[in-house]
Amino acid sequence: MKYHRNRKGQQTVEMAPALLILFCFILIPMLDMLYLALAYAAGWYCNHLVVREVACRDPANWATAETTATQAFCSSGLGSFLAVAVGNVQNSGPPGTFVGNPPTAVTVVTVMTVRPMLPVPLFMTVPGMNAPVSFRFAATRPQEETGQK
């Protein structure tokens, strides 16, 4: 007569390490990568808003236009979801005063710093996983308002 051993409890013992590996090393980093992809797209959109606003304003009002567009983005739903504050977005546009002819194009560089949604506890610092990551965007647009009266 053959002896058949009952092996129903072995799967239960292997479940805890499998869930630990699944959550800590696969699921949470994947959610962080999706969050960073959304943050990258939002940073591009913020740069687009700023360069559009600057190109439509008089060159003397460019600094005000940069601040206004950045505040509008940070107070929108996308900026609130990403928890982006005005201090995390730096814009460096052209200077507001010109000698001679006004510019024909405007270039704005935006640097946006984003913290990860779910920081992964690692022994070393990895930007995007357990440390903030900075995205840099640059866009050029034709100047619509030249400031000539």
Protein backbone atom coordinates (compact mmCIF):
# COMPACT_ATOMS: atom_id res chain seq x y z
CA MET A 1 0.00 0.00 0.00
CA LYS A 2 1.31 3.43 -0.96
CA TYR A 3 1.52 6.21 1.57
CA HIS A 4 0.29 9.65 0.35
CA ARG A 5 1.39 12.57 2.43
CA ASN A 6 -0.85 15.61 2.80
CA ARG A 7 1.06 18.68 1.44
CA LYS A 8 -1.59 21.38 1.75
CA GLY A 9 0.29 23.60 4.23
CA GLN A 10 3.43 24.24 2.16
CA GLN A 11 1.87 26.92 -0.02
CA THR A 12 0.82 28.92 3.04
CA VAL A 13 4.37 29.06 4.35
CA GLU A 14 5.72 30.35 1.02
CA MET A 15 3.05 33.04 0.71
CA ALA A 16 4.59 35.64 3.09
CA PRO A 17 8.03 35.88 1.41
CA ALA A 18 6.37 35.94 -1.99
CA LEU A 19 4.14 38.86 -1.00
CA LEU A 20 7.10 40.72 0.50
CA ILE A 21 9.05 40.39 -2.74
CA LEU A 22 6.00 41.30 -4.81
CA PHE A 23 5.17 44.47 -2.89
CA CYS A 24 8.63 45.80 -1.97
CA PHE A 25 10.55 44.99 -5.12
CA ILE A 26 7.95 44.98 -7.90
CA LEU A 27 4.67 46.76 -7.13
CA ILE A 28 5.87 49.86 -5.22
CA PRO A 29 8.76 50.68 -7.64
CA MET A 30 6.38 50.21 -10.57
CA LEU A 31 3.92 52.69 -9.01
CA ASP A 32 6.81 55.11 -8.44
CA MET A 33 7.84 54.84 -12.09
CA LEU A 34 4.28 55.54 -13.26
CA TYR A 35 4.12 58.51 -10.88
CA LEU A 36 7.44 59.86 -12.22
CA ALA A 37 6.21 59.46 -15.80
CA LEU A 38 3.16 61.54 -14.91
CA ALA A 39 5.40 64.09 -13.15
CA TYR A 40 7.62 64.33 -16.25
CA ALA A 41 4.60 65.00 -18.46
CA ALA A 42 3.31 67.57 -15.96
CA GLY A 43 6.70 69.33 -15.95
CA TRP A 44 6.61 69.59 -19.73
CA TYR A 45 3.09 71.02 -19.49
CA CYS A 46 4.21 73.56 -16.87
CA ASN A 47 7.06 74.67 -19.15
CA HIS A 48 4.60 74.97 -22.02
CA LEU A 49 2.28 77.16 -19.93
CA VAL A 50 5.12 79.43 -18.82
CA VAL A 51 6.67 79.93 -22.26
CA ARG A 52 3.24 80.60 -23.77
CA GLU A 53 2.44 83.19 -21.11
CA VAL A 54 5.84 84.91 -21.47
CA ALA A 55 5.57 85.06 -25.27
CA CYS A 56 2.21 86.83 -25.03
CA ARG A 57 3.38 89.53 -22.62
CA ASP A 58 5.39 92.71 -22.96
CA PRO A 59 9.14 92.07 -22.32
CA ALA A 60 9.02 94.31 -19.25
CA ASN A 61 6.44 91.97 -17.63
CA TRP A 62 8.17 88.62 -18.24
CA ALA A 63 9.07 87.96 -14.61
CA THR A 64 5.46 88.53 -13.55
CA ALA A 65 4.24 86.25 -16.34
CA GLU A 66 6.58 83.44 -15.22
CA THR A 67 5.38 83.72 -11.62
CA THR A 68 1.71 83.87 -12.58
CA ALA A 69 1.89 80.83 -14.87
CA THR A 70 3.84 78.80 -12.30
CA GLN A 71 1.34 79.63 -9.54
CA ALA A 72 -1.55 78.72 -11.84
CA PHE A 73 0.01 75.34 -12.58
CA CYS A 74 0.81 74.58 -8.93
CA SER A 75 -2.74 75.43 -7.84
CA SER A 76 -4.33 73.32 -10.59
CA GLY A 77 -5.48 69.74 -10.04
CA LEU A 78 -2.39 68.26 -11.67
CA GLY A 79 -0.01 70.32 -9.54
CA SER A 80 -1.98 69.47 -6.40
CA PHE A 81 -1.92 65.74 -7.18
CA LEU A 82 1.85 65.80 -7.67
CA ALA A 83 2.29 67.98 -4.54
CA VAL A 84 4.38 70.46 -6.51
CA ALA A 85 4.87 73.73 -4.66
CA VAL A 86 5.89 77.01 -6.25
CA GLY A 87 9.31 76.64 -4.63
CA ASN A 88 9.88 73.31 -6.44
CA VAL A 89 9.59 74.93 -9.88
CA GLN A 90 12.34 77.28 -11.07
CA ASN A 91 12.03 79.17 -14.34
CA SER A 92 14.90 80.95 -16.03
CA GLY A 93 13.69 83.04 -18.92
CA PRO A 94 15.18 85.90 -20.84
CA PRO A 95 15.92 89.17 -19.05
CA GLY A 96 13.10 91.72 -19.05
CA THR A 97 15.16 94.66 -20.33
CA PHE A 98 16.73 94.96 -23.77
CA VAL A 99 18.90 97.54 -25.43
CA GLY A 100 17.94 97.99 -29.03
CA ASN A 101 15.56 95.70 -30.84
CA PRO A 102 13.18 93.48 -28.86
CA PRO A 103 13.70 89.73 -29.23
CA THR A 104 11.89 87.71 -31.88
CA ALA A 105 11.78 84.49 -29.82
CA VAL A 106 11.55 83.62 -26.14
CA THR A 107 13.27 80.64 -24.49
CA VAL A 108 12.28 79.49 -21.01
CA VAL A 109 14.04 76.75 -19.05
CA THR A 110 11.99 75.09 -16.30
CA VAL A 111 13.45 72.83 -13.61
CA MET A 112 10.86 70.92 -11.57
CA THR A 113 11.79 68.85 -8.51
CA VAL A 114 9.45 65.98 -7.60
CA ARG A 115 9.50 63.66 -4.59
CA PRO A 116 8.58 59.98 -5.10
CA MET A 117 5.02 58.99 -4.21
CA LEU A 118 6.02 55.91 -2.19
CA PRO A 119 9.68 56.04 -1.10
CA VAL A 120 11.35 52.64 -1.29
CA PRO A 121 13.61 51.92 1.71
CA LEU A 122 17.00 51.25 0.15
CA PHE A 123 20.51 51.37 1.60
CA MET A 124 21.66 53.90 -0.98
CA THR A 125 20.09 57.04 -2.39
CA VAL A 126 18.34 56.51 -5.72
CA PRO A 127 16.67 59.56 -7.31
CA GLY A 128 13.07 58.76 -8.03
CA MET A 129 12.90 55.81 -5.63
CA ASN A 130 13.82 57.31 -2.25
CA ALA A 131 15.15 60.77 -3.14
CA PRO A 132 13.74 63.73 -5.11
CA VAL A 133 14.40 63.87 -8.84
CA SER A 134 14.71 67.03 -10.96
CA PHE A 135 13.39 67.29 -14.49
CA ARG A 136 14.65 70.03 -16.83
CA PHE A 137 12.66 71.36 -19.78
CA ALA A 138 13.41 74.06 -22.33
CA ALA A 139 11.09 75.53 -24.94
CA THR A 140 11.30 78.34 -27.48
CA ARG A 141 8.35 80.27 -28.84
CA PRO A 142 8.07 83.30 -31.15
CA GLN A 143 7.57 86.57 -29.28
CA GLU A 144 4.04 87.87 -29.96
CA GLU A 145 4.23 91.12 -27.96
CA THR A 146 7.26 93.25 -28.72
CA GLY A 147 6.48 96.13 -26.37
CA GLN A 148 6.50 98.74 -29.12
CA LYS A 149 3.92 101.47 -28.67
